Amino acid sequence: MVIGVLTLDLFFPYAHSLKDKRRILHGFKDRVRKRYNVALAEVDYQDKWQRALLGIVSLNSQQTVVEEVLGRILSDARNLQEAEVACQEIRYV
């Protein structure tokens, strides 16, 4: 079994409050969960209104499947209109 962990540090340049950030983040998290069937959580910067750290986990018996899923999620994050990917890291267990 292969477990892949994608960590995304997101920056929200147009957010002016926690409400703005959470609106954008909630939509992204819902889309990712439904589309890719992964576990996802905001793991840091919950009280910062222009930053979020997301942890996303996928597992499968084949590493190529996990790599593909995490790669697609990263691509979706990079295509967000209202957020920028400041940093990302992928680890496999």
N, C-alpha and C. Protein backbone atom coordinates (compact mmCIF):
# COMPACT_ATOMS: atom_id res chain seq x y z
N MET A 1 0.84 -1.17 0.00
CA MET A 1 0.00 0.00 0.00
C MET A 1 0.89 1.24 0.00
N VAL A 2 0.53 2.22 -0.82
CA VAL A 2 1.27 3.47 -0.92
C VAL A 2 0.38 4.61 -0.42
N ILE A 3 0.91 5.40 0.48
CA ILE A 3 0.20 6.56 1.01
C ILE A 3 0.95 7.80 0.54
N GLY A 4 0.24 8.70 -0.11
CA GLY A 4 0.83 9.95 -0.58
C GLY A 4 0.25 11.12 0.19
N VAL A 5 1.12 12.04 0.61
CA VAL A 5 0.70 13.22 1.36
C VAL A 5 1.14 14.45 0.58
N LEU A 6 0.17 15.27 0.21
CA LEU A 6 0.44 16.54 -0.46
C LEU A 6 0.18 17.65 0.53
N THR A 7 1.18 18.50 0.74
CA THR A 7 1.03 19.65 1.61
C THR A 7 1.04 20.89 0.73
N LEU A 8 -0.01 21.69 0.84
CA LEU A 8 -0.14 22.92 0.05
C LEU A 8 -0.18 24.13 0.96
N ASP A 9 0.71 25.06 0.72
CA ASP A 9 0.70 26.34 1.41
C ASP A 9 0.06 27.34 0.45
N LEU A 10 -1.15 27.78 0.76
CA LEU A 10 -1.89 28.66 -0.13
C LEU A 10 -1.88 30.10 0.38
N PHE A 11 -1.78 31.03 -0.55
CA PHE A 11 -1.82 32.47 -0.26
C PHE A 11 -3.04 33.06 -0.96
N PHE A 12 -3.81 33.85 -0.24
CA PHE A 12 -5.03 34.46 -0.76
C PHE A 12 -4.84 35.97 -0.86
N PRO A 13 -4.31 36.47 -1.98
CA PRO A 13 -3.99 37.89 -2.08
C PRO A 13 -5.21 38.81 -2.06
N TYR A 14 -6.39 38.31 -2.42
CA TYR A 14 -7.58 39.15 -2.50
C TYR A 14 -8.51 39.00 -1.31
N ALA A 15 -8.14 38.17 -0.36
CA ALA A 15 -8.96 37.98 0.84
C ALA A 15 -8.73 39.15 1.79
N HIS A 16 -9.83 39.70 2.30
CA HIS A 16 -9.74 40.83 3.22
C HIS A 16 -10.25 40.46 4.62
N SER A 17 -10.62 39.19 4.78
CA SER A 17 -11.09 38.73 6.08
C SER A 17 -11.02 37.21 6.12
N LEU A 18 -11.19 36.66 7.31
CA LEU A 18 -11.25 35.20 7.44
C LEU A 18 -12.45 34.64 6.67
N LYS A 19 -13.52 35.41 6.61
CA LYS A 19 -14.71 34.98 5.88
C LYS A 19 -14.40 34.80 4.39
N ASP A 20 -13.66 35.73 3.80
CA ASP A 20 -13.25 35.62 2.40
C ASP A 20 -12.41 34.36 2.18
N LYS A 21 -11.42 34.18 3.04
CA LYS A 21 -10.53 33.02 2.91
C LYS A 21 -11.31 31.71 3.04
N ARG A 22 -12.16 31.63 4.02
CA ARG A 22 -12.91 30.39 4.26
C ARG A 22 -13.88 30.09 3.13
N ARG A 23 -14.46 31.11 2.51
CA ARG A 23 -15.36 30.91 1.38
C ARG A 23 -14.61 30.26 0.22
N ILE A 24 -13.44 30.78 -0.09
CA ILE A 24 -12.62 30.25 -1.19
C ILE A 24 -12.15 28.84 -0.84
N LEU A 25 -11.64 28.67 0.36
CA LEU A 25 -11.09 27.39 0.80
C LEU A 25 -12.16 26.31 0.88
N HIS A 26 -13.33 26.66 1.37
CA HIS A 26 -14.41 25.68 1.48
C HIS A 26 -14.80 25.13 0.11
N GLY A 27 -14.92 26.01 -0.88
CA GLY A 27 -15.26 25.57 -2.22
C GLY A 27 -14.20 24.65 -2.81
N PHE A 28 -12.93 25.02 -2.63
CA PHE A 28 -11.83 24.20 -3.15
C PHE A 28 -11.81 22.84 -2.47
N LYS A 29 -11.94 22.81 -1.14
CA LYS A 29 -11.91 21.55 -0.40
C LYS A 29 -13.06 20.63 -0.82
N ASP A 30 -14.24 21.18 -0.99
CA ASP A 30 -15.39 20.36 -1.41
C ASP A 30 -15.17 19.76 -2.79
N ARG A 31 -14.68 20.58 -3.74
CA ARG A 31 -14.43 20.08 -5.09
C ARG A 31 -13.39 18.97 -5.08
N VAL A 32 -12.31 19.14 -4.34
CA VAL A 32 -11.24 18.15 -4.29
C VAL A 32 -11.73 16.85 -3.67
N ARG A 33 -12.46 16.94 -2.57
CA ARG A 33 -12.98 15.73 -1.92
C ARG A 33 -13.89 14.94 -2.86
N LYS A 34 -14.80 15.64 -3.53
CA LYS A 34 -15.76 14.97 -4.40
C LYS A 34 -15.09 14.40 -5.65
N ARG A 35 -14.19 15.16 -6.23
CA ARG A 35 -13.57 14.76 -7.49
C ARG A 35 -12.55 13.65 -7.33
N TYR A 36 -11.79 13.67 -6.23
CA TYR A 36 -10.65 12.74 -6.10
C TYR A 36 -10.77 11.75 -4.95
N ASN A 37 -11.79 11.85 -4.11
CA ASN A 37 -11.98 10.91 -3.00
C ASN A 37 -10.73 10.81 -2.12
N VAL A 38 -10.30 11.96 -1.60
CA VAL A 38 -9.12 12.03 -0.74
C VAL A 38 -9.52 12.60 0.62
N ALA A 39 -8.65 12.42 1.60
CA ALA A 39 -8.82 13.07 2.90
C ALA A 39 -8.09 14.41 2.84
N LEU A 40 -8.72 15.45 3.40
CA LEU A 40 -8.17 16.79 3.28
C LEU A 40 -8.51 17.59 4.53
N ALA A 41 -7.54 18.37 5.01
CA ALA A 41 -7.79 19.21 6.18
C ALA A 41 -6.89 20.43 6.15
N GLU A 42 -7.39 21.53 6.73
CA GLU A 42 -6.57 22.71 6.94
C GLU A 42 -5.79 22.45 8.22
N VAL A 43 -4.47 22.36 8.12
CA VAL A 43 -3.66 21.92 9.26
C VAL A 43 -2.91 23.06 9.96
N ASP A 44 -2.90 24.25 9.36
CA ASP A 44 -2.23 25.38 10.02
C ASP A 44 -2.76 26.69 9.44
N TYR A 45 -2.48 27.76 10.14
CA TYR A 45 -2.85 29.13 9.75
C TYR A 45 -4.37 29.34 9.72
N GLN A 46 -5.10 28.67 10.59
CA GLN A 46 -6.55 28.81 10.61
C GLN A 46 -6.98 30.25 10.92
N ASP A 47 -6.17 30.99 11.66
CA ASP A 47 -6.53 32.35 12.04
C ASP A 47 -5.88 33.42 11.17
N LYS A 48 -5.16 33.04 10.16
CA LYS A 48 -4.55 33.99 9.23
C LYS A 48 -5.51 34.16 8.05
N TRP A 49 -5.84 35.37 7.68
CA TRP A 49 -6.84 35.57 6.65
C TRP A 49 -6.29 35.55 5.22
N GLN A 50 -4.98 35.47 5.04
CA GLN A 50 -4.44 35.38 3.69
C GLN A 50 -3.58 34.14 3.48
N ARG A 51 -3.67 33.18 4.38
CA ARG A 51 -2.81 32.00 4.27
C ARG A 51 -3.52 30.77 4.81
N ALA A 52 -3.21 29.62 4.19
CA ALA A 52 -3.76 28.33 4.67
C ALA A 52 -2.76 27.24 4.34
N LEU A 53 -2.63 26.28 5.21
CA LEU A 53 -1.81 25.10 4.96
C LEU A 53 -2.74 23.90 4.94
N LEU A 54 -2.80 23.24 3.79
CA LEU A 54 -3.68 22.09 3.61
C LEU A 54 -2.86 20.80 3.59
N GLY A 55 -3.39 19.77 4.20
CA GLY A 55 -2.83 18.43 4.11
C GLY A 55 -3.81 17.55 3.36
N ILE A 56 -3.34 16.89 2.31
CA ILE A 56 -4.20 16.06 1.48
C ILE A 56 -3.56 14.68 1.40
N VAL A 57 -4.36 13.63 1.66
CA VAL A 57 -3.84 12.27 1.69
C VAL A 57 -4.62 11.38 0.72
N SER A 58 -3.86 10.59 -0.04
CA SER A 58 -4.45 9.60 -0.95
C SER A 58 -3.69 8.30 -0.76
N LEU A 59 -4.40 7.18 -0.88
CA LEU A 59 -3.71 5.90 -0.79
C LEU A 59 -4.26 4.94 -1.82
N ASN A 60 -3.38 4.04 -2.26
CA ASN A 60 -3.73 3.05 -3.28
C ASN A 60 -2.67 1.97 -3.23
N SER A 61 -2.93 0.88 -3.90
CA SER A 61 -1.94 -0.20 -3.95
C SER A 61 -0.84 0.11 -4.97
N GLN A 62 -1.10 1.07 -5.87
CA GLN A 62 -0.11 1.42 -6.89
C GLN A 62 0.33 2.87 -6.73
N GLN A 63 1.64 3.08 -6.72
CA GLN A 63 2.18 4.42 -6.53
C GLN A 63 1.82 5.35 -7.69
N THR A 64 1.73 4.82 -8.90
CA THR A 64 1.42 5.68 -10.05
C THR A 64 0.03 6.30 -9.92
N VAL A 65 -0.91 5.57 -9.36
CA VAL A 65 -2.26 6.11 -9.15
C VAL A 65 -2.22 7.25 -8.15
N VAL A 66 -1.50 7.06 -7.04
CA VAL A 66 -1.39 8.09 -6.01
C VAL A 66 -0.70 9.33 -6.60
N GLU A 67 0.38 9.13 -7.36
CA GLU A 67 1.09 10.25 -7.98
C GLU A 67 0.17 11.03 -8.91
N GLU A 68 -0.63 10.33 -9.70
CA GLU A 68 -1.53 10.97 -10.65
C GLU A 68 -2.59 11.80 -9.92
N VAL A 69 -3.19 11.24 -8.88
CA VAL A 69 -4.23 11.94 -8.13
C VAL A 69 -3.65 13.21 -7.49
N LEU A 70 -2.51 13.09 -6.81
CA LEU A 70 -1.92 14.25 -6.15
C LEU A 70 -1.46 15.29 -7.17
N GLY A 71 -0.97 14.84 -8.31
CA GLY A 71 -0.58 15.77 -9.38
C GLY A 71 -1.76 16.55 -9.92
N ARG A 72 -2.89 15.89 -10.07
CA ARG A 72 -4.10 16.58 -10.55
C ARG A 72 -4.61 17.59 -9.52
N ILE A 73 -4.53 17.23 -8.25
CA ILE A 73 -4.96 18.16 -7.20
C ILE A 73 -4.05 19.38 -7.19
N LEU A 74 -2.75 19.17 -7.32
CA LEU A 74 -1.81 20.28 -7.37
C LEU A 74 -2.10 21.18 -8.57
N SER A 75 -2.41 20.59 -9.70
CA SER A 75 -2.76 21.36 -10.89
C SER A 75 -4.03 22.18 -10.66
N ASP A 76 -5.03 21.58 -10.02
CA ASP A 76 -6.25 22.31 -9.70
C ASP A 76 -5.96 23.49 -8.77
N ALA A 77 -5.09 23.28 -7.79
CA ALA A 77 -4.74 24.35 -6.85
C ALA A 77 -4.01 25.48 -7.58
N ARG A 78 -3.14 25.15 -8.49
CA ARG A 78 -2.42 26.18 -9.25
C ARG A 78 -3.35 26.97 -10.16
N ASN A 79 -4.48 26.39 -10.54
CA ASN A 79 -5.43 27.07 -11.42
C ASN A 79 -6.50 27.86 -10.66
N LEU A 80 -6.40 27.91 -9.34
CA LEU A 80 -7.36 28.70 -8.57
C LEU A 80 -7.23 30.17 -8.94
N GLN A 81 -8.36 30.82 -9.16
CA GLN A 81 -8.36 32.24 -9.51
C GLN A 81 -8.03 33.13 -8.31
N GLU A 82 -8.49 32.75 -7.12
CA GLU A 82 -8.40 33.62 -5.96
C GLU A 82 -7.31 33.22 -4.96
N ALA A 83 -6.47 32.26 -5.35
CA ALA A 83 -5.41 31.81 -4.44
C ALA A 83 -4.18 31.43 -5.25
N GLU A 84 -3.04 31.49 -4.59
CA GLU A 84 -1.77 31.11 -5.20
C GLU A 84 -1.11 30.03 -4.35
N VAL A 85 -0.45 29.10 -5.00
CA VAL A 85 0.30 28.07 -4.28
C VAL A 85 1.66 28.66 -3.95
N ALA A 86 1.90 28.92 -2.67
CA ALA A 86 3.17 29.49 -2.24
C ALA A 86 4.24 28.41 -2.12
N CYS A 87 3.82 27.21 -1.72
CA CYS A 87 4.76 26.10 -1.54
C CYS A 87 3.98 24.80 -1.58
N GLN A 88 4.63 23.74 -2.07
CA GLN A 88 4.00 22.44 -2.05
C GLN A 88 5.06 21.37 -1.79
N GLU A 89 4.60 20.27 -1.22
CA GLU A 89 5.49 19.15 -0.93
C GLU A 89 4.68 17.87 -1.06
N ILE A 90 5.27 16.86 -1.72
CA ILE A 90 4.64 15.55 -1.82
C ILE A 90 5.56 14.53 -1.18
N ARG A 91 5.01 13.73 -0.27
CA ARG A 91 5.77 12.66 0.39
C ARG A 91 5.01 11.35 0.24
N TYR A 92 5.76 10.26 0.20
CA TYR A 92 5.15 8.94 0.09
C TYR A 92 5.58 8.10 1.28
N VAL A 93 4.63 7.32 1.80
CA VAL A 93 4.91 6.45 2.94
C VAL A 93 4.72 5.02 2.52
